């Protein structure tokens, strides 16, 4: 059975990363664009991690007291598996979500292969069975996303209130939105006012 995907806002929230090597650096780079406050704890931390804006480095070993701040989640990315196990156990005791790099049995959640284009975020997970397969699928999906997708999303978001007022029926509105987005994707741009008017005219004829 797969894992249920959920998207959550972590901006301003604390995320604890145990480990200061390349695995920790990779997680830091993936998380920073989402605005979390990253606290990295390890006996040794790569300079590349400490140079990142938004990262607080704490030189030392992991302590259960590190969890008293109740982080949104924890990443165990240390080089010592037994220490990662200890981190995982302490998180489970406190019901804090934890991810242990390359060690599925120690995880309560997995990191998906991410596509992030402005407001668009796509996550792909294989439940920890094959991160390589998830990456390949990510590349395939990425190649199909319009270059101006974020501009299109902003446009359709601005258009939705007017459509909700004009078409209170959810089924009709959903079909219309699907058509508008499909056309915008195919043309790799927001539709013009004339193009939108044509679509609305066709929708009105269908209703009447």
N, C-alpha and C. Protein backbone atom coordinates (compact mmCIF):
# COMPACT_ATOMS: atom_id res chain seq x y z
N UNK A 1 0.84 -1.20 0.00
CA UNK A 1 0.00 0.00 0.00
C UNK A 1 0.88 1.24 0.00
N UNK A 2 0.50 2.23 -0.81
CA UNK A 2 1.26 3.46 -0.91
C UNK A 2 1.00 4.39 0.27
N UNK A 3 1.72 5.49 0.28
CA UNK A 3 1.59 6.50 1.33
C UNK A 3 0.69 7.63 0.85
N UNK A 4 -0.15 8.14 1.76
CA UNK A 4 -1.07 9.21 1.40
C UNK A 4 -0.30 10.52 1.28
N UNK A 5 -0.40 11.22 0.15
CA UNK A 5 0.32 12.48 -0.03
C UNK A 5 -0.43 13.62 0.64
N UNK A 6 0.31 14.54 1.23
CA UNK A 6 -0.30 15.73 1.83
C UNK A 6 0.66 16.90 1.63
N UNK A 7 0.11 18.05 1.29
CA UNK A 7 0.92 19.26 1.11
C UNK A 7 0.62 20.20 2.27
N UNK A 8 1.65 20.70 2.91
CA UNK A 8 1.47 21.54 4.07
C UNK A 8 2.39 22.76 4.00
N UNK A 9 1.96 23.85 4.60
CA UNK A 9 2.74 25.08 4.61
C UNK A 9 3.74 25.03 5.76
N UNK A 10 5.04 25.03 5.45
CA UNK A 10 6.06 24.99 6.50
C UNK A 10 6.79 26.32 6.65
N UNK A 11 6.31 27.35 5.98
CA UNK A 11 6.95 28.66 6.07
C UNK A 11 6.97 29.14 7.53
N UNK A 12 8.15 29.49 8.01
CA UNK A 12 8.29 29.97 9.37
C UNK A 12 8.36 28.90 10.43
N UNK A 13 8.12 27.65 10.08
CA UNK A 13 8.17 26.57 11.05
C UNK A 13 9.58 26.00 11.16
N UNK A 14 9.87 25.43 12.33
CA UNK A 14 11.20 24.87 12.57
C UNK A 14 11.28 23.43 12.08
N UNK A 15 12.33 23.13 11.34
CA UNK A 15 12.63 21.77 10.92
C UNK A 15 14.03 21.44 11.43
N UNK A 16 14.16 20.34 12.15
CA UNK A 16 15.44 19.92 12.70
C UNK A 16 16.08 18.89 11.79
N UNK A 17 17.32 19.13 11.42
CA UNK A 17 18.09 18.18 10.60
C UNK A 17 19.29 17.72 11.40
N UNK A 18 19.35 16.42 11.69
CA UNK A 18 20.53 15.88 12.36
C UNK A 18 21.48 15.35 11.30
N UNK A 19 22.70 15.87 11.28
CA UNK A 19 23.69 15.47 10.29
C UNK A 19 24.22 16.70 9.58
N UNK A 20 25.48 16.66 9.24
CA UNK A 20 26.08 17.83 8.62
C UNK A 20 26.82 17.55 7.33
N UNK A 21 26.55 16.39 6.72
CA UNK A 21 27.24 16.00 5.50
C UNK A 21 26.44 16.28 4.24
N UNK A 22 26.78 15.54 3.18
CA UNK A 22 26.15 15.78 1.89
C UNK A 22 24.66 15.45 1.89
N UNK A 23 24.26 14.42 2.64
CA UNK A 23 22.84 14.07 2.70
C UNK A 23 22.04 15.20 3.35
N UNK A 24 22.61 15.79 4.41
CA UNK A 24 21.95 16.92 5.07
C UNK A 24 21.89 18.13 4.15
N UNK A 25 22.97 18.37 3.42
CA UNK A 25 23.01 19.50 2.49
C UNK A 25 21.92 19.36 1.44
N UNK A 26 21.73 18.16 0.93
CA UNK A 26 20.69 17.93 -0.09
C UNK A 26 19.31 18.24 0.46
N UNK A 27 19.04 17.85 1.71
CA UNK A 27 17.73 18.15 2.32
C UNK A 27 17.58 19.65 2.56
N UNK A 28 18.65 20.30 3.00
CA UNK A 28 18.61 21.74 3.21
C UNK A 28 18.23 22.46 1.92
N UNK A 29 18.87 22.08 0.83
CA UNK A 29 18.62 22.74 -0.45
C UNK A 29 17.19 22.51 -0.95
N UNK A 30 16.63 21.36 -0.62
CA UNK A 30 15.26 21.09 -1.04
C UNK A 30 14.24 21.84 -0.19
N UNK A 31 14.56 22.08 1.07
CA UNK A 31 13.60 22.69 1.98
C UNK A 31 13.62 24.21 1.98
N UNK A 32 14.77 24.81 1.73
CA UNK A 32 14.91 26.26 1.83
C UNK A 32 13.89 27.04 1.00
N UNK A 33 13.58 26.62 -0.23
CA UNK A 33 12.62 27.41 -1.02
C UNK A 33 11.23 27.49 -0.40
N UNK A 34 10.94 26.63 0.59
CA UNK A 34 9.60 26.60 1.18
C UNK A 34 9.51 27.40 2.48
N UNK A 35 10.59 28.12 2.82
CA UNK A 35 10.52 29.10 3.90
C UNK A 35 10.61 28.58 5.31
N UNK A 36 11.03 27.34 5.49
CA UNK A 36 11.15 26.80 6.85
C UNK A 36 12.38 27.36 7.55
N UNK A 37 12.36 27.35 8.86
CA UNK A 37 13.53 27.70 9.67
C UNK A 37 14.28 26.39 9.93
N UNK A 38 15.45 26.25 9.36
CA UNK A 38 16.18 25.00 9.42
C UNK A 38 17.25 25.05 10.51
N UNK A 39 17.19 24.08 11.40
CA UNK A 39 18.19 23.95 12.46
C UNK A 39 18.98 22.68 12.19
N UNK A 40 20.27 22.82 11.91
CA UNK A 40 21.13 21.68 11.58
C UNK A 40 22.06 21.40 12.75
N UNK A 41 22.00 20.16 13.26
CA UNK A 41 22.81 19.77 14.41
C UNK A 41 23.69 18.58 14.04
N UNK A 42 24.98 18.70 14.30
CA UNK A 42 25.93 17.62 14.03
C UNK A 42 27.28 17.99 14.63
N UNK A 43 28.11 16.98 14.91
CA UNK A 43 29.47 17.27 15.40
C UNK A 43 30.28 18.07 14.39
N UNK A 44 30.04 17.80 13.10
CA UNK A 44 30.72 18.53 12.02
C UNK A 44 29.68 18.87 10.96
N UNK A 45 29.72 20.12 10.52
CA UNK A 45 28.75 20.58 9.52
C UNK A 45 29.49 21.19 8.34
N UNK A 46 29.13 20.78 7.14
CA UNK A 46 29.77 21.31 5.94
C UNK A 46 29.61 22.82 5.86
N UNK A 47 30.67 23.52 5.46
CA UNK A 47 30.56 24.99 5.29
C UNK A 47 29.43 25.38 4.35
N UNK A 48 29.18 24.55 3.32
CA UNK A 48 28.12 24.87 2.35
C UNK A 48 26.75 24.95 3.03
N UNK A 49 26.56 24.18 4.11
CA UNK A 49 25.30 24.23 4.84
C UNK A 49 25.20 25.52 5.65
N UNK A 50 26.27 25.82 6.35
CA UNK A 50 26.27 27.00 7.23
C UNK A 50 26.18 28.30 6.45
N UNK A 51 26.59 28.27 5.18
CA UNK A 51 26.55 29.48 4.35
C UNK A 51 25.14 29.80 3.84
N UNK A 52 24.23 28.86 3.98
CA UNK A 52 22.89 29.06 3.45
C UNK A 52 22.09 30.00 4.36
N UNK A 53 21.45 31.00 3.76
CA UNK A 53 20.57 31.87 4.53
C UNK A 53 19.36 31.07 4.99
N UNK A 54 18.97 31.27 6.24
CA UNK A 54 17.83 30.54 6.77
C UNK A 54 18.20 29.27 7.50
N UNK A 55 19.52 29.03 7.67
CA UNK A 55 19.99 27.82 8.36
C UNK A 55 20.71 28.23 9.64
N UNK A 56 20.33 27.59 10.74
CA UNK A 56 21.02 27.77 12.02
C UNK A 56 21.82 26.51 12.30
N UNK A 57 23.12 26.64 12.44
CA UNK A 57 23.98 25.50 12.71
C UNK A 57 24.28 25.37 14.19
N UNK A 58 24.20 24.13 14.70
CA UNK A 58 24.52 23.86 16.10
C UNK A 58 25.50 22.70 16.14
N UNK A 59 26.73 22.99 16.50
CA UNK A 59 27.75 21.96 16.57
C UNK A 59 27.55 21.14 17.85
N UNK A 60 27.40 19.82 17.69
CA UNK A 60 27.20 18.95 18.84
C UNK A 60 26.48 17.69 18.44
N UNK A 61 26.29 16.80 19.40
CA UNK A 61 25.58 15.55 19.15
C UNK A 61 24.08 15.75 19.41
N UNK A 62 23.29 14.82 18.91
CA UNK A 62 21.85 14.91 19.09
C UNK A 62 21.48 14.67 20.55
N UNK A 63 20.52 15.45 21.02
CA UNK A 63 19.97 15.28 22.36
C UNK A 63 18.46 15.34 22.28
N UNK A 64 17.75 14.52 23.07
CA UNK A 64 16.29 14.61 23.08
C UNK A 64 15.79 16.02 23.38
N UNK A 65 16.61 16.80 24.08
CA UNK A 65 16.21 18.18 24.37
C UNK A 65 16.06 19.01 23.09
N UNK A 66 16.73 18.56 22.02
CA UNK A 66 16.59 19.28 20.74
C UNK A 66 15.16 19.26 20.23
N UNK A 67 14.36 18.31 20.73
CA UNK A 67 12.98 18.16 20.26
C UNK A 67 11.98 18.95 21.09
N UNK A 68 12.46 19.60 22.14
CA UNK A 68 11.54 20.32 23.01
C UNK A 68 10.89 21.51 22.31
N UNK A 69 11.54 22.01 21.25
CA UNK A 69 10.94 23.11 20.48
C UNK A 69 9.79 22.64 19.60
N UNK A 70 9.53 21.32 19.61
CA UNK A 70 8.43 20.73 18.85
C UNK A 70 8.51 21.08 17.36
N UNK A 71 9.58 20.64 16.68
CA UNK A 71 9.72 20.95 15.25
C UNK A 71 8.59 20.34 14.43
N UNK A 72 8.36 20.93 13.27
CA UNK A 72 7.32 20.42 12.37
C UNK A 72 7.64 18.98 11.96
N UNK A 73 8.91 18.73 11.68
CA UNK A 73 9.39 17.37 11.44
C UNK A 73 10.91 17.35 11.58
N UNK A 74 11.45 16.15 11.59
CA UNK A 74 12.89 15.95 11.81
C UNK A 74 13.45 15.08 10.70
N UNK A 75 14.67 15.39 10.30
CA UNK A 75 15.37 14.57 9.32
C UNK A 75 16.63 14.01 9.98
N UNK A 76 16.75 12.70 9.99
CA UNK A 76 17.94 12.04 10.51
C UNK A 76 18.85 11.74 9.32
N UNK A 77 19.88 12.56 9.16
CA UNK A 77 20.77 12.43 7.99
C UNK A 77 22.22 12.26 8.42
N UNK A 78 22.43 11.70 9.62
CA UNK A 78 23.78 11.48 10.09
C UNK A 78 24.44 10.29 9.41
N UNK A 79 25.74 10.18 9.56
CA UNK A 79 26.48 9.08 8.94
C UNK A 79 26.42 7.81 9.78
N UNK A 80 26.02 7.92 11.05
CA UNK A 80 25.94 6.78 11.96
C UNK A 80 24.49 6.30 12.02
N UNK A 81 24.24 5.08 11.50
CA UNK A 81 22.86 4.57 11.45
C UNK A 81 22.27 4.41 12.84
N UNK A 82 23.08 4.00 13.81
CA UNK A 82 22.56 3.82 15.16
C UNK A 82 22.13 5.16 15.76
N UNK A 83 22.86 6.20 15.45
CA UNK A 83 22.46 7.52 15.93
C UNK A 83 21.18 7.97 15.24
N UNK A 84 21.05 7.68 13.95
CA UNK A 84 19.81 7.98 13.24
C UNK A 84 18.64 7.21 13.85
N UNK A 85 18.90 5.98 14.24
CA UNK A 85 17.86 5.17 14.88
C UNK A 85 17.41 5.83 16.20
N UNK A 86 18.37 6.33 16.95
CA UNK A 86 18.05 7.00 18.20
C UNK A 86 17.21 8.25 17.95
N UNK A 87 17.58 9.01 16.95
CA UNK A 87 16.79 10.19 16.58
C UNK A 87 15.36 9.77 16.24
N UNK A 88 15.24 8.73 15.42
CA UNK A 88 13.92 8.25 15.00
C UNK A 88 13.09 7.80 16.20
N UNK A 89 13.69 7.06 17.10
CA UNK A 89 12.97 6.56 18.28
C UNK A 89 12.46 7.70 19.14
N UNK A 90 13.30 8.71 19.35
CA UNK A 90 12.90 9.84 20.17
C UNK A 90 11.76 10.63 19.51
N UNK A 91 11.81 10.74 18.19
CA UNK A 91 10.74 11.43 17.47
C UNK A 91 9.43 10.66 17.58
N UNK A 92 9.50 9.35 17.44
CA UNK A 92 8.29 8.53 17.52
C UNK A 92 7.65 8.64 18.90
N UNK A 93 8.48 8.67 19.93
CA UNK A 93 7.95 8.80 21.29
C UNK A 93 7.15 10.08 21.45
N UNK A 94 7.56 11.12 20.73
CA UNK A 94 6.92 12.43 20.83
C UNK A 94 5.93 12.69 19.71
N UNK A 95 5.71 11.69 18.87
CA UNK A 95 4.79 11.81 17.73
C UNK A 95 5.21 12.94 16.79
N UNK A 96 6.52 13.08 16.61
CA UNK A 96 7.05 14.06 15.66
C UNK A 96 7.41 13.32 14.38
N UNK A 97 6.90 13.72 13.22
CA UNK A 97 7.25 13.05 11.97
C UNK A 97 8.76 13.05 11.75
N UNK A 98 9.30 11.92 11.30
CA UNK A 98 10.75 11.81 11.11
C UNK A 98 11.06 11.08 9.81
N UNK A 99 12.08 11.56 9.14
CA UNK A 99 12.59 10.91 7.93
C UNK A 99 14.05 10.58 8.16
N UNK A 100 14.41 9.31 7.96
CA UNK A 100 15.80 8.89 8.07
C UNK A 100 16.31 8.59 6.66
N UNK A 101 17.35 9.29 6.26
CA UNK A 101 17.84 9.20 4.89
C UNK A 101 18.29 7.77 4.57
N UNK A 102 17.76 7.23 3.46
CA UNK A 102 18.12 5.89 2.97
C UNK A 102 17.90 4.79 3.99
N UNK A 103 16.90 4.95 4.85
CA UNK A 103 16.62 3.93 5.87
C UNK A 103 15.11 3.87 6.12
N UNK A 104 14.34 3.31 5.18
CA UNK A 104 12.88 3.32 5.27
C UNK A 104 12.29 2.83 6.60
N UNK A 105 12.83 1.77 7.23
CA UNK A 105 12.22 1.32 8.49
C UNK A 105 12.22 2.38 9.60
N UNK A 106 13.13 3.36 9.50
CA UNK A 106 13.21 4.39 10.53
C UNK A 106 12.35 5.61 10.21
N UNK A 107 11.65 5.58 9.09
CA UNK A 107 10.88 6.75 8.64
C UNK A 107 9.41 6.65 9.01
N UNK A 108 8.83 7.77 9.36
CA UNK A 108 7.37 7.85 9.44
C UNK A 108 6.80 8.62 8.26
N UNK A 109 7.68 9.23 7.45
CA UNK A 109 7.26 9.84 6.20
C UNK A 109 8.45 9.82 5.24
N UNK A 110 8.15 9.94 3.94
CA UNK A 110 9.19 9.95 2.92
C UNK A 110 9.18 11.29 2.18
N UNK A 111 10.34 11.67 1.70
CA UNK A 111 10.43 12.84 0.83
C UNK A 111 10.11 12.41 -0.59
N UNK A 112 9.19 13.12 -1.25
CA UNK A 112 8.92 12.79 -2.65
C UNK A 112 9.98 13.39 -3.56
N UNK A 113 10.03 12.87 -4.78
CA UNK A 113 10.78 13.55 -5.83
C UNK A 113 9.93 14.76 -6.22
N UNK A 114 10.49 15.96 -6.10
CA UNK A 114 9.70 17.18 -6.23
C UNK A 114 9.89 17.89 -7.56
N UNK A 115 8.77 18.43 -8.04
CA UNK A 115 8.78 19.41 -9.12
C UNK A 115 8.20 20.68 -8.52
N UNK A 116 8.91 21.77 -8.59
CA UNK A 116 8.44 23.03 -8.02
C UNK A 116 8.59 24.14 -9.04
N UNK A 117 7.47 24.67 -9.48
CA UNK A 117 7.44 25.77 -10.45
C UNK A 117 6.51 26.84 -9.91
N UNK A 118 7.03 27.75 -9.09
CA UNK A 118 6.19 28.76 -8.49
C UNK A 118 5.16 28.12 -7.58
N UNK A 119 3.88 28.37 -7.87
CA UNK A 119 2.81 27.82 -7.04
C UNK A 119 2.58 26.33 -7.28
N UNK A 120 3.12 25.81 -8.38
CA UNK A 120 2.92 24.40 -8.70
C UNK A 120 3.96 23.54 -7.99
N UNK A 121 3.48 22.56 -7.24
CA UNK A 121 4.37 21.57 -6.63
C UNK A 121 3.81 20.19 -6.92
N UNK A 122 4.65 19.33 -7.47
CA UNK A 122 4.27 17.95 -7.76
C UNK A 122 5.21 17.05 -6.97
N UNK A 123 4.64 16.13 -6.21
CA UNK A 123 5.44 15.19 -5.44
C UNK A 123 5.21 13.77 -5.92
N UNK A 124 6.30 13.02 -6.09
CA UNK A 124 6.21 11.64 -6.57
C UNK A 124 6.91 10.73 -5.56
N UNK A 125 6.20 9.73 -5.10
CA UNK A 125 6.77 8.81 -4.12
C UNK A 125 6.54 7.36 -4.53
N UNK A 126 7.52 6.52 -4.23
CA UNK A 126 7.37 5.08 -4.43
C UNK A 126 7.31 4.37 -3.08
N UNK A 127 6.97 5.12 -2.03
CA UNK A 127 6.90 4.52 -0.70
C UNK A 127 8.24 4.04 -0.20
N UNK A 128 9.31 4.68 -0.68
CA UNK A 128 10.64 4.30 -0.25
C UNK A 128 11.23 3.12 -0.99
N UNK A 129 10.49 2.53 -1.94
CA UNK A 129 10.96 1.33 -2.63
C UNK A 129 12.01 1.65 -3.69
N UNK A 130 11.85 2.76 -4.41
CA UNK A 130 12.82 3.09 -5.45
C UNK A 130 12.87 4.59 -5.71
N UNK A 131 13.67 5.33 -4.95
CA UNK A 131 13.83 6.76 -5.22
C UNK A 131 14.28 7.03 -6.65
N UNK A 132 15.09 6.13 -7.24
CA UNK A 132 15.55 6.33 -8.62
C UNK A 132 14.38 6.34 -9.59
N UNK A 133 13.41 5.45 -9.37
CA UNK A 133 12.24 5.41 -10.24
C UNK A 133 11.43 6.69 -10.09
N UNK A 134 11.33 7.20 -8.86
CA UNK A 134 10.60 8.45 -8.64
C UNK A 134 11.27 9.61 -9.37
N UNK A 135 12.59 9.63 -9.38
CA UNK A 135 13.33 10.69 -10.07
C UNK A 135 13.09 10.62 -11.58
N UNK A 136 13.10 9.42 -12.13
CA UNK A 136 12.86 9.26 -13.57
C UNK A 136 11.45 9.73 -13.95
N UNK A 137 10.47 9.38 -13.12
CA UNK A 137 9.11 9.84 -13.38
C UNK A 137 9.01 11.35 -13.25
N UNK A 138 9.74 11.92 -12.29
CA UNK A 138 9.75 13.37 -12.14
C UNK A 138 10.25 14.04 -13.41
N UNK A 139 11.32 13.51 -13.98
CA UNK A 139 11.88 14.09 -15.19
C UNK A 139 10.90 14.00 -16.35
N UNK A 140 10.17 12.88 -16.43
CA UNK A 140 9.19 12.71 -17.50
C UNK A 140 8.04 13.72 -17.35
N UNK A 141 7.53 13.88 -16.13
CA UNK A 141 6.45 14.83 -15.89
C UNK A 141 6.92 16.26 -16.11
N UNK A 142 8.13 16.56 -15.66
CA UNK A 142 8.69 17.90 -15.80
C UNK A 142 8.72 18.33 -17.27
N UNK A 143 9.03 17.39 -18.14
CA UNK A 143 9.15 17.71 -19.56
C UNK A 143 7.80 18.08 -20.18
N UNK A 144 6.70 17.73 -19.51
CA UNK A 144 5.36 17.99 -20.04
C UNK A 144 4.71 19.25 -19.47
N UNK A 145 5.36 19.89 -18.53
CA UNK A 145 4.79 21.07 -17.90
C UNK A 145 5.12 22.31 -18.73
N UNK A 146 4.12 23.14 -19.05
CA UNK A 146 4.39 24.36 -19.84
C UNK A 146 5.39 25.27 -19.13
N UNK A 147 6.22 25.93 -19.91
CA UNK A 147 7.24 26.80 -19.34
C UNK A 147 6.63 27.95 -18.54
N UNK A 148 5.46 28.41 -18.95
CA UNK A 148 4.82 29.55 -18.28
C UNK A 148 3.70 29.11 -17.33
N UNK A 149 3.88 27.93 -16.73
CA UNK A 149 2.80 27.36 -15.92
C UNK A 149 2.44 28.26 -14.74
N UNK A 150 3.44 28.89 -14.10
CA UNK A 150 3.11 29.72 -12.93
C UNK A 150 2.28 30.92 -13.34
N UNK A 151 2.58 31.49 -14.51
CA UNK A 151 1.80 32.63 -15.02
C UNK A 151 0.37 32.19 -15.33
N UNK A 152 0.23 30.99 -15.87
CA UNK A 152 -1.10 30.46 -16.18
C UNK A 152 -1.90 30.24 -14.90
N UNK A 153 -1.26 29.72 -13.86
CA UNK A 153 -1.95 29.47 -12.59
C UNK A 153 -2.42 30.78 -11.96
N UNK A 154 -1.59 31.80 -12.01
CA UNK A 154 -1.99 33.10 -11.47
C UNK A 154 -3.18 33.65 -12.24
N UNK A 155 -3.17 33.49 -13.54
CA UNK A 155 -4.26 33.98 -14.39
C UNK A 155 -5.57 33.27 -14.05
N UNK A 156 -5.54 31.94 -13.95
CA UNK A 156 -6.78 31.19 -13.69
C UNK A 156 -7.28 31.47 -12.27
N UNK A 157 -6.36 31.72 -11.35
CA UNK A 157 -6.76 32.06 -9.97
C UNK A 157 -7.51 33.38 -9.95
N UNK A 158 -7.03 34.36 -10.71
CA UNK A 158 -7.70 35.66 -10.79
C UNK A 158 -9.07 35.56 -11.47
N UNK A 159 -9.20 34.59 -12.38
CA UNK A 159 -10.43 34.46 -13.15
C UNK A 159 -11.53 33.71 -12.38
N UNK A 160 -11.14 32.87 -11.44
CA UNK A 160 -12.10 31.99 -10.76
C UNK A 160 -13.24 32.71 -10.06
N UNK A 161 -13.01 33.81 -9.32
CA UNK A 161 -14.16 34.45 -8.64
C UNK A 161 -15.27 34.87 -9.60
N UNK A 162 -14.89 35.41 -10.75
CA UNK A 162 -15.91 35.83 -11.72
C UNK A 162 -16.67 34.62 -12.26
N UNK A 163 -15.95 33.53 -12.48
CA UNK A 163 -16.61 32.31 -12.97
C UNK A 163 -17.54 31.72 -11.92
N UNK A 164 -17.15 31.81 -10.64
CA UNK A 164 -18.01 31.30 -9.57
C UNK A 164 -19.31 32.08 -9.50
N UNK A 165 -19.25 33.39 -9.73
CA UNK A 165 -20.48 34.20 -9.72
C UNK A 165 -21.34 33.91 -10.95
N UNK A 166 -20.71 33.73 -12.08
CA UNK A 166 -21.46 33.56 -13.33
C UNK A 166 -22.01 32.14 -13.48
N UNK A 167 -21.28 31.15 -12.93
CA UNK A 167 -21.68 29.75 -13.07
C UNK A 167 -21.71 29.09 -11.69
N UNK A 168 -22.79 29.27 -10.94
CA UNK A 168 -22.88 28.70 -9.59
C UNK A 168 -22.90 27.17 -9.58
N UNK A 169 -23.31 26.57 -10.70
CA UNK A 169 -23.33 25.10 -10.78
C UNK A 169 -21.90 24.58 -10.83
N UNK A 170 -21.53 23.76 -9.86
CA UNK A 170 -20.15 23.29 -9.75
C UNK A 170 -19.73 22.45 -10.96
N UNK A 171 -20.60 21.59 -11.44
CA UNK A 171 -20.26 20.72 -12.56
C UNK A 171 -19.95 21.51 -13.83
N UNK A 172 -20.79 22.52 -14.10
CA UNK A 172 -20.57 23.36 -15.28
C UNK A 172 -19.26 24.14 -15.14
N UNK A 173 -19.05 24.70 -13.95
CA UNK A 173 -17.85 25.51 -13.72
C UNK A 173 -16.58 24.65 -13.82
N UNK A 174 -16.64 23.46 -13.29
CA UNK A 174 -15.47 22.59 -13.35
C UNK A 174 -15.11 22.24 -14.78
N UNK A 175 -16.12 21.93 -15.59
CA UNK A 175 -15.87 21.59 -17.00
C UNK A 175 -15.27 22.80 -17.74
N UNK A 176 -15.78 23.99 -17.42
CA UNK A 176 -15.28 25.20 -18.08
C UNK A 176 -13.84 25.48 -17.66
N UNK A 177 -13.55 25.37 -16.39
CA UNK A 177 -12.19 25.60 -15.91
C UNK A 177 -11.21 24.60 -16.53
N UNK A 178 -11.65 23.38 -16.66
CA UNK A 178 -10.80 22.36 -17.27
C UNK A 178 -10.48 22.73 -18.72
N UNK A 179 -11.50 23.23 -19.44
CA UNK A 179 -11.29 23.62 -20.83
C UNK A 179 -10.36 24.81 -20.93
N UNK A 180 -10.55 25.80 -20.06
CA UNK A 180 -9.71 27.00 -20.10
C UNK A 180 -8.25 26.65 -19.79
N UNK A 181 -8.04 25.83 -18.78
CA UNK A 181 -6.66 25.45 -18.41
C UNK A 181 -6.03 24.61 -19.51
N UNK A 182 -6.80 23.71 -20.09
CA UNK A 182 -6.27 22.88 -21.16
C UNK A 182 -5.82 23.72 -22.35
N UNK A 183 -6.64 24.69 -22.72
CA UNK A 183 -6.27 25.58 -23.83
C UNK A 183 -5.03 26.40 -23.49
N UNK A 184 -4.98 26.93 -22.26
CA UNK A 184 -3.82 27.72 -21.84
C UNK A 184 -2.55 26.89 -21.84
N UNK A 185 -2.65 25.65 -21.37
CA UNK A 185 -1.48 24.76 -21.37
C UNK A 185 -1.02 24.48 -22.80
N UNK A 186 -1.97 24.23 -23.69
CA UNK A 186 -1.61 23.89 -25.06
C UNK A 186 -0.95 25.07 -25.77
N UNK A 187 -1.30 26.30 -25.35
CA UNK A 187 -0.74 27.49 -25.98
C UNK A 187 0.41 28.11 -25.17
N UNK A 188 0.67 27.50 -24.00
CA UNK A 188 1.78 27.91 -23.13
C UNK A 188 1.69 29.38 -22.74
N UNK A 189 0.45 29.81 -22.42
CA UNK A 189 0.24 31.20 -22.00
C UNK A 189 -1.19 31.35 -21.49
N UNK A 190 -1.44 32.40 -20.70
CA UNK A 190 -2.83 32.71 -20.35
C UNK A 190 -3.63 33.05 -21.60
N UNK A 191 -4.90 32.79 -21.58
CA UNK A 191 -5.74 33.11 -22.73
C UNK A 191 -6.04 34.61 -22.77
N UNK A 192 -6.29 35.11 -23.95
CA UNK A 192 -6.68 36.51 -24.10
C UNK A 192 -8.14 36.67 -23.68
N UNK A 193 -8.57 37.92 -23.52
CA UNK A 193 -9.96 38.18 -23.16
C UNK A 193 -10.90 37.65 -24.23
N UNK A 194 -10.49 37.77 -25.49
CA UNK A 194 -11.33 37.28 -26.58
C UNK A 194 -11.46 35.76 -26.53
N UNK A 195 -10.37 35.08 -26.24
CA UNK A 195 -10.41 33.62 -26.17
C UNK A 195 -11.28 33.15 -25.00
N UNK A 196 -11.17 33.85 -23.87
CA UNK A 196 -12.02 33.51 -22.73
C UNK A 196 -13.49 33.75 -23.08
N UNK A 197 -13.78 34.88 -23.73
CA UNK A 197 -15.16 35.20 -24.11
C UNK A 197 -15.75 34.13 -25.02
N UNK A 198 -14.93 33.61 -25.93
CA UNK A 198 -15.41 32.55 -26.82
C UNK A 198 -15.78 31.30 -26.02
N UNK A 199 -14.95 30.95 -25.05
CA UNK A 199 -15.22 29.76 -24.22
C UNK A 199 -16.48 29.97 -23.39
N UNK A 200 -16.65 31.17 -22.84
CA UNK A 200 -17.83 31.44 -22.03
C UNK A 200 -19.09 31.42 -22.90
N UNK A 201 -18.98 31.93 -24.13
CA UNK A 201 -20.12 31.91 -25.02
C UNK A 201 -20.55 30.48 -25.33
N UNK A 202 -19.59 29.60 -25.56
CA UNK A 202 -19.91 28.19 -25.82
C UNK A 202 -20.55 27.55 -24.61
N UNK A 203 -20.05 27.91 -23.40
CA UNK A 203 -20.64 27.37 -22.17
C UNK A 203 -22.07 27.84 -22.00
N UNK A 204 -22.33 29.13 -22.30
CA UNK A 204 -23.68 29.67 -22.17
C UNK A 204 -24.64 28.97 -23.12
N UNK A 205 -24.17 28.68 -24.33
CA UNK A 205 -25.03 27.99 -25.30
C UNK A 205 -25.36 26.58 -24.83
N UNK A 206 -24.40 25.93 -24.17
CA UNK A 206 -24.63 24.58 -23.67
C UNK A 206 -25.68 24.59 -22.56
N UNK A 207 -25.62 25.62 -21.69
CA UNK A 207 -26.57 25.72 -20.58
C UNK A 207 -27.98 25.99 -21.09
N UNK A 208 -28.06 26.90 -22.09
CA UNK A 208 -29.38 27.26 -22.61
C UNK A 208 -29.96 26.12 -23.45
